[in-house]
Amino acid sequence: MTFIASIVAKKGVALIADSLVTSITRVIEYENFIGYIKDKYQNSPVEELKIEPVDMVNLFQRKPSHTKDYEEKLFMYDKYIGVTTAGSAEINNKRIEYLIKEIVEANKKNKNYNRKRFDTKIKEFCDFINKQAIEHLNIYEEISNTNFIFTHYDKGKEKTEIVKIEVLSCNKTDIHDETFNCIKSKKMEEYLKVVCDGQNRISERIIFGEIDFFIDITPKIIKKVLADLKIDPLILPEDYEKTFLMEAKSFLPKEFFDDMKINKLAGLSLQQAVDLASLLMKVEINFQKYTENIPTVGGVIKLAIIDKDGFRFISGNNILKPENLH
């Protein structure tokens, strides 16, 4: 896991990413194994115990095993576009860093690249990554979720555009024909001055309050109520869930929406955007000290900005003099 974010300012945007990579392995935890034995064989004599291979396989769970630093997760895509990434470190036996470098180098050789619109550049990137994902699935059984945040600053309009791109988790059986696509992209609303991903639940709670949770849980509650009352979902208006969410302000307490700090972030200076990005990163890193989990955010922190002068790193991209030689 990781933490990545783009913070929009009035005349620019700040981008931040950590460099910690968490390796995942499949393990059986002792408590789960003992629980399985007790549940399945509680009435059987010890000498009659027979463990089915299929049951054993199902006991394995994906768990973090170890971490390492210095994985590249923040990149200059072109002069006015930056990209951050969270999720898998590799697709199609290639590090994410080298996949991005591959398409960046191809873009540099394209004489018409700088004339292309931002949405065209996004489509070409999605097509490239989808091709890599299909090749990956021709070799391996599955592909894990990977997210990208593309951040573009338009110096003429002094506006920032942000698009989230997601490589969906899928496996070989999902490929039915050449139209297969495991890439999903979404342009973020202009009012969202903070866009983050990875291990970002604490940051999201700070920025969005409970609204994000409300949007996620509401459809599940509606579905449960309909099932309990034996109401046919088909009798509801087609856009009932959407209307319900849009009308939430009329029946939820005012304090619910006052807690949305995102509404108060308009008009940040670029320095404030940099400071806020650093603060959110620090919160995610420090909170790990109080949990039992393996740390999944940390390492060298890279920070960059994009303004009228283009993309440039301001922290974490230079080799420093070692402190342990003094």
C-alpha atoms as a PDB file:
ATOM      1  CA  MET A   1       0.000   0.000   0.000  1.00  0.00           C
ATOM      2  CA  THR A   2       1.062   3.617  -0.175  1.00  0.00           C
ATOM      3  CA  PHE A   3      -0.220   7.159   0.094  1.00  0.00           C
ATOM      4  CA  ILE A   4      -0.483   9.479  -2.906  1.00  0.00           C
ATOM      5  CA  ALA A   5      -2.252  12.814  -3.226  1.00  0.00           C
ATOM      6  CA  SER A   6      -2.750  15.876  -5.416  1.00  0.00           C
ATOM      7  CA  ILE A   7      -3.639  19.166  -3.675  1.00  0.00           C
ATOM      8  CA  VAL A   8      -5.036  21.895  -5.928  1.00  0.00           C
ATOM      9  CA  ALA A   9      -3.986  25.517  -5.398  1.00  0.00           C
ATOM     10  CA  LYS A  10      -5.121  28.737  -7.109  1.00  0.00           C
ATOM     11  CA  LYS A  11      -2.120  28.830  -9.422  1.00  0.00           C
ATOM     12  CA  GLY A  12      -0.737  25.336  -9.418  1.00  0.00           C
ATOM     13  CA  VAL A  13      -0.962  21.934  -7.791  1.00  0.00           C
ATOM     14  CA  ALA A  14       1.135  19.922  -5.320  1.00  0.00           C
ATOM     15  CA  LEU A  15       1.754  16.176  -5.714  1.00  0.00           C
ATOM     16  CA  ILE A  16       3.087  13.839  -3.032  1.00  0.00           C
ATOM     17  CA  ALA A  17       3.926  10.128  -2.791  1.00  0.00           C
ATOM     18  CA  ASP A  18       5.781   7.860  -0.398  1.00  0.00           C
ATOM     19  CA  SER A  19       8.214   5.155  -1.549  1.00  0.00           C
ATOM     20  CA  LEU A  20       7.384   2.156   0.637  1.00  0.00           C
ATOM     21  CA  VAL A  21       6.475  -1.121  -1.077  1.00  0.00           C
ATOM     22  CA  THR A  22       4.709  -3.838   0.884  1.00  0.00           C
ATOM     23  CA  SER A  23       5.188  -7.379  -0.377  1.00  0.00           C
ATOM     24  CA  ILE A  24       2.190  -9.691  -0.059  1.00  0.00           C
ATOM     25  CA  THR A  25       2.340 -13.421   0.563  1.00  0.00           C
ATOM     26  CA  ARG A  26      -0.289 -16.090   1.212  1.00  0.00           C
ATOM     27  CA  VAL A  27      -0.205 -17.474   4.749  1.00  0.00           C
ATOM     28  CA  ILE A  28      -2.295 -19.529   7.161  1.00  0.00           C
ATOM     29  CA  GLU A  29      -2.550 -17.988  10.603  1.00  0.00           C
ATOM     30  CA  TYR A  30      -2.356 -20.353  13.567  1.00  0.00           C
ATOM     31  CA  GLU A  31      -5.663 -19.202  15.087  1.00  0.00           C
ATOM     32  CA  ASN A  32      -7.512 -19.760  11.797  1.00  0.00           C
ATOM     33  CA  PHE A  33      -6.070 -23.256  11.395  1.00  0.00           C
ATOM     34  CA  ILE A  34      -7.025 -24.274  14.959  1.00  0.00           C
ATOM     35  CA  GLY A  35     -10.481 -22.778  14.455  1.00  0.00           C
ATOM     36  CA  TYR A  36     -10.903 -24.819  11.273  1.00  0.00           C
ATOM     37  CA  ILE A  37      -9.921 -28.040  13.073  1.00  0.00           C
ATOM     38  CA  LYS A  38     -12.293 -27.351  15.958  1.00  0.00           C
ATOM     39  CA  ASP A  39     -15.247 -26.446  13.737  1.00  0.00           C
ATOM     40  CA  LYS A  40     -14.927 -29.319  11.299  1.00  0.00           C
ATOM     41  CA  TYR A  41     -13.730 -32.122  13.513  1.00  0.00           C
ATOM     42  CA  GLN A  42     -15.067 -31.277  16.955  1.00  0.00           C
ATOM     43  CA  ASN A  43     -16.889 -34.613  17.213  1.00  0.00           C
ATOM     44  CA  SER A  44     -14.252 -36.776  15.536  1.00  0.00           C
ATOM     45  CA  PRO A  45     -11.515 -38.806  17.255  1.00  0.00           C
ATOM     46  CA  VAL A  46      -7.999 -37.490  16.624  1.00  0.00           C
ATOM     47  CA  GLU A  47      -7.004 -40.597  14.639  1.00  0.00           C
ATOM     48  CA  GLU A  48      -9.855 -39.977  12.181  1.00  0.00           C
ATOM     49  CA  LEU A  49      -8.892 -36.419  11.300  1.00  0.00           C
ATOM     50  CA  LYS A  50      -8.613 -35.960   7.543  1.00  0.00           C
ATOM     51  CA  ILE A  51      -7.726 -32.545   6.181  1.00  0.00           C
ATOM     52  CA  GLU A  52      -9.005 -31.873   2.686  1.00  0.00           C
ATOM     53  CA  PRO A  53      -6.503 -30.082   0.387  1.00  0.00           C
ATOM     54  CA  VAL A  54      -9.226 -27.750  -0.916  1.00  0.00           C
ATOM     55  CA  ASP A  55     -10.068 -26.673   2.626  1.00  0.00           C
ATOM     56  CA  MET A  56      -6.405 -25.967   3.328  1.00  0.00           C
ATOM     57  CA  VAL A  57      -6.053 -23.830   0.214  1.00  0.00           C
ATOM     58  CA  ASN A  58      -9.084 -21.786   1.252  1.00  0.00           C
ATOM     59  CA  LEU A  59      -7.442 -21.054   4.619  1.00  0.00           C
ATOM     60  CA  PHE A  60      -4.598 -19.143   2.957  1.00  0.00           C
ATOM     61  CA  GLN A  61      -5.012 -15.369   3.098  1.00  0.00           C
ATOM     62  CA  ARG A  62      -3.070 -12.590   1.411  1.00  0.00           C
ATOM     63  CA  LYS A  63      -1.103 -10.774   4.129  1.00  0.00           C
ATOM     64  CA  PRO A  64       1.686  -8.151   4.145  1.00  0.00           C
ATOM     65  CA  SER A  65       5.018  -9.923   4.720  1.00  0.00           C
ATOM     66  CA  HIS A  66       7.770  -7.297   4.453  1.00  0.00           C
ATOM     67  CA  THR A  67       8.473  -3.814   3.139  1.00  0.00           C
ATOM     68  CA  LYS A  68      11.235  -1.993   1.284  1.00  0.00           C
ATOM     69  CA  ASP A  69      11.927   1.651   0.493  1.00  0.00           C
ATOM     70  CA  TYR A  70      12.731   3.655  -2.614  1.00  0.00           C
ATOM     71  CA  GLU A  71      10.033   2.515  -5.007  1.00  0.00           C
ATOM     72  CA  GLU A  72       9.280   5.278  -7.515  1.00  0.00           C
ATOM     73  CA  LYS A  73       5.639   6.374  -7.306  1.00  0.00           C
ATOM     74  CA  LEU A  74       5.673   9.994  -8.488  1.00  0.00           C
ATOM     75  CA  PHE A  75       6.647  10.825 -12.063  1.00  0.00           C
ATOM     76  CA  MET A  76       6.825  13.695 -14.506  1.00  0.00           C
ATOM     77  CA  TYR A  77       4.681  12.591 -17.457  1.00  0.00           C
ATOM     78  CA  ASP A  78       5.237  15.745 -19.476  1.00  0.00           C
ATOM     79  CA  LYS A  79       5.933  19.402 -18.671  1.00  0.00           C
ATOM     80  CA  TYR A  80       2.448  20.029 -17.240  1.00  0.00           C
ATOM     81  CA  ILE A  81       1.329  16.526 -16.215  1.00  0.00           C
ATOM     82  CA  GLY A  82       2.399  14.537 -13.162  1.00  0.00           C
ATOM     83  CA  VAL A  83       1.365  10.990 -12.292  1.00  0.00           C
ATOM     84  CA  THR A  84       1.350   9.110  -9.003  1.00  0.00           C
ATOM     85  CA  THR A  85       0.641   5.415  -8.507  1.00  0.00           C
ATOM     86  CA  ALA A  86      -0.555   3.077  -5.758  1.00  0.00           C
ATOM     87  CA  GLY A  87      -1.139  -0.667  -5.733  1.00  0.00           C
ATOM     88  CA  SER A  88       0.865  -3.316  -7.564  1.00  0.00           C
ATOM     89  CA  ALA A  89       4.556  -2.657  -8.090  1.00  0.00           C
ATOM     90  CA  GLU A  90       4.592  -4.677 -11.344  1.00  0.00           C
ATOM     91  CA  ILE A  91       2.404  -5.396 -14.358  1.00  0.00           C
ATOM     92  CA  ASN A  92       3.482  -7.820 -17.088  1.00  0.00           C
ATOM     93  CA  ASN A  93       6.855  -8.414 -15.376  1.00  0.00           C
ATOM     94  CA  LYS A  94       7.654  -4.696 -15.610  1.00  0.00           C
ATOM     95  CA  ARG A  95       7.990  -2.292 -12.709  1.00  0.00           C
ATOM     96  CA  ILE A  96       5.393   0.485 -12.871  1.00  0.00           C
ATOM     97  CA  GLU A  97       8.282   2.950 -13.086  1.00  0.00           C
ATOM     98  CA  TYR A  98       9.488   1.399 -16.346  1.00  0.00           C
ATOM     99  CA  LEU A  99       6.010   1.138 -17.836  1.00  0.00           C
ATOM    100  CA  ILE A 100       5.569   4.874 -17.348  1.00  0.00           C
ATOM    101  CA  LYS A 101       9.052   5.585 -18.717  1.00  0.00           C
ATOM    102  CA  GLU A 102       8.242   3.446 -21.758  1.00  0.00           C
ATOM    103  CA  ILE A 103       5.178   5.463 -22.736  1.00  0.00           C
ATOM    104  CA  VAL A 104       6.854   8.783 -21.827  1.00  0.00           C
ATOM    105  CA  GLU A 105       9.727   7.985 -24.201  1.00  0.00           C
ATOM    106  CA  ALA A 106       7.242   7.063 -26.935  1.00  0.00           C
ATOM    107  CA  ASN A 107       5.447  10.382 -26.379  1.00  0.00           C
ATOM    108  CA  LYS A 108       8.708  12.308 -26.777  1.00  0.00           C
ATOM    109  CA  LYS A 109       9.218  10.758 -30.220  1.00  0.00           C
ATOM    110  CA  ASN A 110       5.711  11.756 -31.306  1.00  0.00           C
ATOM    111  CA  LYS A 111       5.923  15.184 -32.978  1.00  0.00           C
ATOM    112  CA  ASN A 112       2.198  15.749 -32.473  1.00  0.00           C
ATOM    113  CA  TYR A 113       2.142  14.839 -28.782  1.00  0.00           C
ATOM    114  CA  ASN A 114       2.133  18.404 -27.420  1.00  0.00           C
ATOM    115  CA  ARG A 115      -0.894  19.269 -29.570  1.00  0.00           C
ATOM    116  CA  LYS A 116      -2.998  16.534 -27.999  1.00  0.00           C
ATOM    117  CA  ARG A 117      -5.738  17.294 -25.502  1.00  0.00           C
ATOM    118  CA  PHE A 118      -5.420  16.018 -21.942  1.00  0.00           C
ATOM    119  CA  ASP A 119      -8.288  13.543 -22.398  1.00  0.00           C
ATOM    120  CA  THR A 120      -6.574  12.123 -25.517  1.00  0.00           C
ATOM    121  CA  LYS A 121      -3.372  11.585 -23.531  1.00  0.00           C
ATOM    122  CA  ILE A 122      -5.388   9.819 -20.830  1.00  0.00           C
ATOM    123  CA  LYS A 123      -7.056   7.510 -23.373  1.00  0.00           C
ATOM    124  CA  GLU A 124      -3.707   6.583 -24.914  1.00  0.00           C
ATOM    125  CA  PHE A 125      -2.283   5.786 -21.474  1.00  0.00           C
ATOM    126  CA  CYS A 126      -5.322   3.643 -20.611  1.00  0.00           C
ATOM    127  CA  ASP A 127      -5.001   1.732 -23.891  1.00  0.00           C
ATOM    128  CA  PHE A 128      -1.293   1.157 -23.220  1.00  0.00           C
ATOM    129  CA  ILE A 129      -1.863  -0.121 -19.666  1.00  0.00           C
ATOM    130  CA  ASN A 130      -4.790  -2.311 -20.750  1.00  0.00           C
ATOM    131  CA  LYS A 131      -2.545  -3.952 -23.365  1.00  0.00           C
ATOM    132  CA  GLN A 132       0.054  -4.613 -20.662  1.00  0.00           C
ATOM    133  CA  ALA A 133      -2.640  -6.042 -18.365  1.00  0.00           C
ATOM    134  CA  ILE A 134      -3.857  -8.456 -21.064  1.00  0.00           C
ATOM    135  CA  GLU A 135      -0.290  -9.633 -21.705  1.00  0.00           C
ATOM    136  CA  HIS A 136       0.075 -10.079 -17.934  1.00  0.00           C
ATOM    137  CA  LEU A 137      -3.038 -12.283 -17.824  1.00  0.00           C
ATOM    138  CA  ASN A 138      -1.704 -14.389 -20.680  1.00  0.00           C
ATOM    139  CA  ILE A 139       1.129 -15.360 -18.317  1.00  0.00           C
ATOM    140  CA  TYR A 140      -0.410 -15.253 -14.843  1.00  0.00           C
ATOM    141  CA  GLU A 141      -3.769 -16.271 -13.399  1.00  0.00           C
ATOM    142  CA  GLU A 142      -4.699 -12.847 -12.024  1.00  0.00           C
ATOM    143  CA  ILE A 143      -3.804  -9.184 -11.866  1.00  0.00           C
ATOM    144  CA  SER A 144      -4.086  -7.030  -8.751  1.00  0.00           C
ATOM    145  CA  ASN A 145      -5.620  -3.604  -8.384  1.00  0.00           C
ATOM    146  CA  THR A 146      -3.405  -0.646  -9.324  1.00  0.00           C
ATOM    147  CA  ASN A 147      -4.372   3.031  -9.290  1.00  0.00           C
ATOM    148  CA  PHE A 148      -2.944   6.089 -11.019  1.00  0.00           C
ATOM    149  CA  ILE A 149      -3.685   9.756 -10.392  1.00  0.00           C
ATOM    150  CA  PHE A 150      -3.009  11.936 -13.449  1.00  0.00           C
ATOM    151  CA  THR A 151      -2.728  15.632 -12.605  1.00  0.00           C
ATOM    152  CA  HIS A 152      -2.649  18.293 -15.328  1.00  0.00           C
ATOM    153  CA  TYR A 153      -2.161  22.026 -14.836  1.00  0.00           C
ATOM    154  CA  ASP A 154      -3.364  24.345 -17.614  1.00  0.00           C
ATOM    155  CA  LYS A 155      -1.242  27.481 -17.247  1.00  0.00           C
ATOM    156  CA  GLY A 156      -3.391  29.452 -19.705  1.00  0.00           C
ATOM    157  CA  LYS A 157      -6.637  28.888 -17.808  1.00  0.00           C
ATOM    158  CA  GLU A 158      -4.900  28.552 -14.408  1.00  0.00           C
ATOM    159  CA  LYS A 159      -6.912  25.375 -13.838  1.00  0.00           C
ATOM    160  CA  THR A 160      -6.067  21.870 -12.663  1.00  0.00           C
ATOM    161  CA  GLU A 161      -7.574  18.694 -14.114  1.00  0.00           C
ATOM    162  CA  ILE A 162      -7.284  15.394 -12.244  1.00  0.00           C
ATOM    163  CA  VAL A 163      -8.168  11.924 -13.519  1.00  0.00           C
ATOM    164  CA  LYS A 164      -8.106   8.698 -11.523  1.00  0.00           C
ATOM    165  CA  ILE A 165      -7.260   5.562 -13.493  1.00  0.00           C
ATOM    166  CA  GLU A 166      -7.802   2.109 -12.011  1.00  0.00           C
ATOM    167  CA  VAL A 167      -6.539  -1.266 -13.149  1.00  0.00           C
ATOM    168  CA  LEU A 168      -9.300  -3.539 -11.870  1.00  0.00           C
ATOM    169  CA  SER A 169      -8.498  -6.813 -10.135  1.00  0.00           C
ATOM    170  CA  CYS A 170      -9.369  -9.644 -12.527  1.00  0.00           C
ATOM    171  CA  ASN A 171      -8.239 -13.073 -13.709  1.00  0.00           C
ATOM    172  CA  LYS A 172      -7.868 -15.141 -16.877  1.00  0.00           C
ATOM    173  CA  THR A 173     -11.509 -16.195 -16.897  1.00  0.00           C
ATOM    174  CA  ASP A 174     -12.583 -12.558 -17.319  1.00  0.00           C
ATOM    175  CA  ILE A 175     -11.035 -12.393 -20.795  1.00  0.00           C
ATOM    176  CA  HIS A 176     -13.740 -13.457 -23.260  1.00  0.00           C
ATOM    177  CA  ASP A 177     -12.655 -11.630 -26.427  1.00  0.00           C
ATOM    178  CA  GLU A 178     -10.457  -8.834 -27.788  1.00  0.00           C
ATOM    179  CA  THR A 179     -12.813  -6.172 -26.384  1.00  0.00           C
ATOM    180  CA  PHE A 180     -11.742  -7.022 -22.815  1.00  0.00           C
ATOM    181  CA  ASN A 181     -10.874  -3.914 -20.813  1.00  0.00           C
ATOM    182  CA  CYS A 182      -9.846  -3.908 -17.159  1.00  0.00           C
ATOM    183  CA  ILE A 183      -9.163  -0.154 -17.013  1.00  0.00           C
ATOM    184  CA  LYS A 184     -11.545   2.364 -15.493  1.00  0.00           C
ATOM    185  CA  SER A 185     -10.961   6.122 -15.556  1.00  0.00           C
ATOM    186  CA  LYS A 186     -12.827   8.932 -13.849  1.00  0.00           C
ATOM    187  CA  LYS A 187     -12.354  12.672 -14.158  1.00  0.00           C
ATOM    188  CA  MET A 188     -12.554  14.235 -10.716  1.00  0.00           C
ATOM    189  CA  GLU A 189     -14.973  17.079 -10.069  1.00  0.00           C
ATOM    190  CA  GLU A 190     -13.445  20.553 -10.123  1.00  0.00           C
ATOM    191  CA  TYR A 191     -14.539  21.294  -6.543  1.00  0.00           C
ATOM    192  CA  LEU A 192     -12.366  18.430  -5.228  1.00  0.00           C
ATOM    193  CA  LYS A 193      -9.231  20.272  -4.153  1.00  0.00           C
ATOM    194  CA  VAL A 194      -7.739  17.148  -2.569  1.00  0.00           C
ATOM    195  CA  VAL A 195      -7.568  13.850  -4.462  1.00  0.00           C
ATOM    196  CA  CYS A 196      -5.786  10.977  -2.762  1.00  0.00           C
ATOM    197  CA  ASP A 197      -5.471   7.202  -2.950  1.00  0.00           C
ATOM    198  CA  GLY A 198      -3.784   4.205  -1.381  1.00  0.00           C
ATOM    199  CA  GLN A 199      -3.845   4.083   2.401  1.00  0.00           C
ATOM    200  CA  ASN A 200      -5.862   7.270   2.671  1.00  0.00           C
ATOM    201  CA  ARG A 201      -8.805   6.526   4.957  1.00  0.00           C
ATOM    202  CA  ILE A 202      -7.625   8.868   7.728  1.00  0.00           C
ATOM    203  CA  SER A 203      -6.993  11.692   5.261  1.00  0.00           C
ATOM    204  CA  GLU A 204     -10.373  11.135   3.618  1.00  0.00           C
ATOM    205  CA  ARG A 205     -12.125  11.325   6.982  1.00  0.00           C
ATOM    206  CA  ILE A 206     -10.339  14.604   7.724  1.00  0.00           C
ATOM    207  CA  ILE A 207     -11.164  16.113   4.334  1.00  0.00           C
ATOM    208  CA  PHE A 208     -14.608  14.666   3.612  1.00  0.00           C
ATOM    209  CA  GLY A 209     -15.984  13.919   7.073  1.00  0.00           C
ATOM    210  CA  GLU A 210     -18.526  11.092   6.906  1.00  0.00           C
ATOM    211  CA  ILE A 211     -19.953  11.917   3.459  1.00  0.00           C
ATOM    212  CA  ASP A 212     -17.719   9.390   1.693  1.00  0.00           C
ATOM    213  CA  PHE A 213     -18.878   6.642   4.053  1.00  0.00           C
ATOM    214  CA  PHE A 214     -22.504   7.759   3.664  1.00  0.00           C
ATOM    215  CA  ILE A 215     -22.321   7.514  -0.143  1.00  0.00           C
ATOM    216  CA  ASP A 216     -20.757   4.059   0.088  1.00  0.00           C
ATOM    217  CA  ILE A 217     -23.120   2.617   2.701  1.00  0.00           C
ATOM    218  CA  THR A 218     -26.463   4.073   1.522  1.00  0.00           C
ATOM    219  CA  PRO A 219     -27.058   1.621  -1.397  1.00  0.00           C
ATOM    220  CA  LYS A 220     -26.303  -1.296   0.950  1.00  0.00           C
ATOM    221  CA  ILE A 221     -28.816  -0.025   3.524  1.00  0.00           C
ATOM    222  CA  ILE A 222     -31.500   0.468   0.862  1.00  0.00           C
ATOM    223  CA  LYS A 223     -30.899  -3.053  -0.447  1.00  0.00           C
ATOM    224  CA  LYS A 224     -31.145  -4.523   3.076  1.00  0.00           C
ATOM    225  CA  VAL A 225     -34.384  -2.654   3.882  1.00  0.00           C
ATOM    226  CA  LEU A 226     -35.993  -3.807   0.628  1.00  0.00           C
ATOM    227  CA  ALA A 227     -34.991  -7.408   1.323  1.00  0.00           C
ATOM    228  CA  ASP A 228     -36.248  -7.345   4.928  1.00  0.00           C
ATOM    229  CA  LEU A 229     -39.584  -5.817   3.927  1.00  0.00           C
ATOM    230  CA  LYS A 230     -39.831  -8.095   0.873  1.00  0.00           C
ATOM    231  CA  ILE A 231     -40.195  -5.126  -1.468  1.00  0.00           C
ATOM    232  CA  ASP A 232     -39.404  -5.721  -5.133  1.00  0.00           C
ATOM    233  CA  PRO A 233     -36.535  -3.337  -6.086  1.00  0.00           C
ATOM    234  CA  LEU A 234     -38.049  -3.025  -9.564  1.00  0.00           C
ATOM    235  CA  ILE A 235     -40.951  -0.940  -8.227  1.00  0.00           C
ATOM    236  CA  LEU A 236     -38.550   1.832  -7.191  1.00  0.00           C
ATOM    237  CA  PRO A 237     -37.870   4.688  -9.620  1.00  0.00           C
ATOM    238  CA  GLU A 238     -34.867   3.971 -11.822  1.00  0.00           C
ATOM    239  CA  ASP A 239     -32.709   6.696 -10.250  1.00  0.00           C
ATOM    240  CA  TYR A 240     -34.003   6.303  -6.679  1.00  0.00           C
ATOM    241  CA  GLU A 241     -30.561   5.837  -5.079  1.00  0.00           C
ATOM    242  CA  LYS A 242     -29.148   8.868  -6.873  1.00  0.00           C
ATOM    243  CA  THR A 243     -32.143  11.013  -5.862  1.00  0.00           C
ATOM    244  CA  PHE A 244     -31.893   9.787  -2.268  1.00  0.00           C
ATOM    245  CA  LEU A 245     -28.245  10.856  -2.074  1.00  0.00           C
ATOM    246  CA  MET A 246     -28.906  14.221  -3.715  1.00  0.00           C
ATOM    247  CA  GLU A 247     -31.711  14.978  -1.243  1.00  0.00           C
ATOM    248  CA  ALA A 248     -29.620  14.001   1.778  1.00  0.00           C
ATOM    249  CA  LYS A 249     -29.075  17.621   2.750  1.00  0.00           C
ATOM    250  CA  SER A 250     -32.816  17.972   3.441  1.00  0.00           C
ATOM    251  CA  PHE A 251     -32.938  15.285   6.136  1.00  0.00           C
ATOM    252  CA  LEU A 252     -29.410  14.920   7.547  1.00  0.00           C
ATOM    253  CA  PRO A 253     -28.275  17.223  10.393  1.00  0.00           C
ATOM    254  CA  LYS A 254     -26.368  20.384   9.429  1.00  0.00           C
ATOM    255  CA  GLU A 255     -23.337  19.208  11.434  1.00  0.00           C
ATOM    256  CA  PHE A 256     -22.932  16.287   9.041  1.00  0.00           C
ATOM    257  CA  PHE A 257     -22.048  18.665   6.199  1.00  0.00           C
ATOM    258  CA  ASP A 258     -20.187  21.199   8.356  1.00  0.00           C
ATOM    259  CA  ASP A 259     -17.619  18.458   8.952  1.00  0.00           C
ATOM    260  CA  MET A 260     -16.705  18.424   5.239  1.00  0.00           C
ATOM    261  CA  LYS A 261     -13.444  20.394   5.242  1.00  0.00           C
ATOM    262  CA  ILE A 262     -13.239  20.007   1.453  1.00  0.00           C
ATOM    263  CA  ASN A 263     -15.822  22.799   1.120  1.00  0.00           C
ATOM    264  CA  LYS A 264     -13.486  25.227   2.884  1.00  0.00           C
ATOM    265  CA  LEU A 265     -10.311  24.520   0.899  1.00  0.00           C
ATOM    266  CA  ALA A 266     -10.935  26.776  -2.114  1.00  0.00           C
ATOM    267  CA  GLY A 267      -8.262  29.355  -2.852  1.00  0.00           C
ATOM    268  CA  LEU A 268      -5.141  27.700  -1.428  1.00  0.00           C
ATOM    269  CA  SER A 269      -1.787  29.220  -2.245  1.00  0.00           C
ATOM    270  CA  LEU A 270       0.736  26.808  -3.742  1.00  0.00           C
ATOM    271  CA  GLN A 271       2.704  26.921  -0.484  1.00  0.00           C
ATOM    272  CA  GLN A 272      -0.435  25.988   1.464  1.00  0.00           C
ATOM    273  CA  ALA A 273      -1.069  23.103  -0.947  1.00  0.00           C
ATOM    274  CA  VAL A 274       2.484  21.827  -0.370  1.00  0.00           C
ATOM    275  CA  ASP A 275       2.075  22.149   3.411  1.00  0.00           C
ATOM    276  CA  LEU A 276      -1.291  20.352   3.380  1.00  0.00           C
ATOM    277  CA  ALA A 277       0.098  17.512   1.253  1.00  0.00           C
ATOM    278  CA  SER A 278       2.939  17.084   3.756  1.00  0.00           C
ATOM    279  CA  LEU A 279       0.535  17.186   6.713  1.00  0.00           C
ATOM    280  CA  LEU A 280      -1.720  14.466   5.282  1.00  0.00           C
ATOM    281  CA  MET A 281       1.312  12.274   4.557  1.00  0.00           C
ATOM    282  CA  LYS A 282       2.610  12.769   8.101  1.00  0.00           C
ATOM    283  CA  VAL A 283      -0.772  11.819   9.602  1.00  0.00           C
ATOM    284  CA  GLU A 284      -0.917   8.579   7.593  1.00  0.00           C
ATOM    285  CA  ILE A 285       2.686   7.645   8.491  1.00  0.00           C
ATOM    286  CA  ASN A 286       2.528   8.511  12.193  1.00  0.00           C
ATOM    287  CA  PHE A 287      -0.793   6.797  12.871  1.00  0.00           C
ATOM    288  CA  GLN A 288       0.796   3.476  11.888  1.00  0.00           C
ATOM    289  CA  LYS A 289       2.810   3.569  15.128  1.00  0.00           C
ATOM    290  CA  TYR A 290      -0.342   2.806  17.078  1.00  0.00           C
ATOM    291  CA  THR A 291      -1.580  -0.156  15.024  1.00  0.00           C
ATOM    292  CA  GLU A 292      -0.591  -3.822  14.913  1.00  0.00           C
ATOM    293  CA  ASN A 293      -0.184  -3.834  11.132  1.00  0.00           C
ATOM    294  CA  ILE A 294       3.057  -3.806   9.164  1.00  0.00           C
ATOM    295  CA  PRO A 295       3.765  -0.160   8.182  1.00  0.00           C
ATOM    296  CA  THR A 296       2.651   0.384   4.597  1.00  0.00           C
ATOM    297  CA  VAL A 297       3.351   4.108   4.182  1.00  0.00           C
ATOM    298  CA  GLY A 298       6.805   5.652   4.534  1.00  0.00           C
ATOM    299  CA  GLY A 299      10.299   5.637   3.090  1.00  0.00           C
ATOM    300  CA  VAL A 300      11.538   8.593   1.089  1.00  0.00           C
ATOM    301  CA  ILE A 301       8.730  11.088   0.494  1.00  0.00           C
ATOM    302  CA  LYS A 302       8.671  12.756  -2.915  1.00  0.00           C
ATOM    303  CA  LEU A 303       6.973  16.109  -3.337  1.00  0.00           C
ATOM    304  CA  ALA A 304       6.489  17.996  -6.605  1.00  0.00           C
ATOM    305  CA  ILE A 305       4.569  20.978  -7.918  1.00  0.00           C
ATOM    306  CA  ILE A 306       3.178  21.991 -11.294  1.00  0.00           C
ATOM    307  CA  ASP A 307       2.662  25.694 -11.987  1.00  0.00           C
ATOM    308  CA  LYS A 308       3.115  28.118 -14.900  1.00  0.00           C
ATOM    309  CA  ASP A 309       6.758  27.038 -15.167  1.00  0.00           C
ATOM    310  CA  GLY A 310       5.861  23.361 -15.404  1.00  0.00           C
ATOM    311  CA  PHE A 311       6.574  20.236 -13.343  1.00  0.00           C
ATOM    312  CA  ARG A 312       9.432  20.158 -10.862  1.00  0.00           C
ATOM    313  CA  PHE A 313      10.398  18.183  -7.775  1.00  0.00           C
ATOM    314  CA  ILE A 314      10.897  20.178  -4.590  1.00  0.00           C
ATOM    315  CA  SER A 315      11.729  17.345  -2.177  1.00  0.00           C
ATOM    316  CA  GLY A 316      12.860  13.727  -2.172  1.00  0.00           C
ATOM    317  CA  ASN A 317      14.413  13.595  -5.637  1.00  0.00           C
ATOM    318  CA  ASN A 318      18.043  14.358  -4.766  1.00  0.00           C
ATOM    319  CA  ILE A 319      20.750  12.217  -3.167  1.00  0.00           C
ATOM    320  CA  LEU A 320      21.609  13.700   0.220  1.00  0.00           C
ATOM    321  CA  LYS A 321      24.835  13.770   2.186  1.00  0.00           C
ATOM    322  CA  PRO A 322      24.713  10.853   4.687  1.00  0.00           C
ATOM    323  CA  GLU A 323      24.111  11.939   8.262  1.00  0.00           C
ATOM    324  CA  ASN A 324      25.888   8.950   9.858  1.00  0.00           C
ATOM    325  CA  LEU A 325      29.377  10.116   8.788  1.00  0.00           C
ATOM    326  CA  HIS A 326      29.509  12.912  11.375  1.00  0.00           C
END
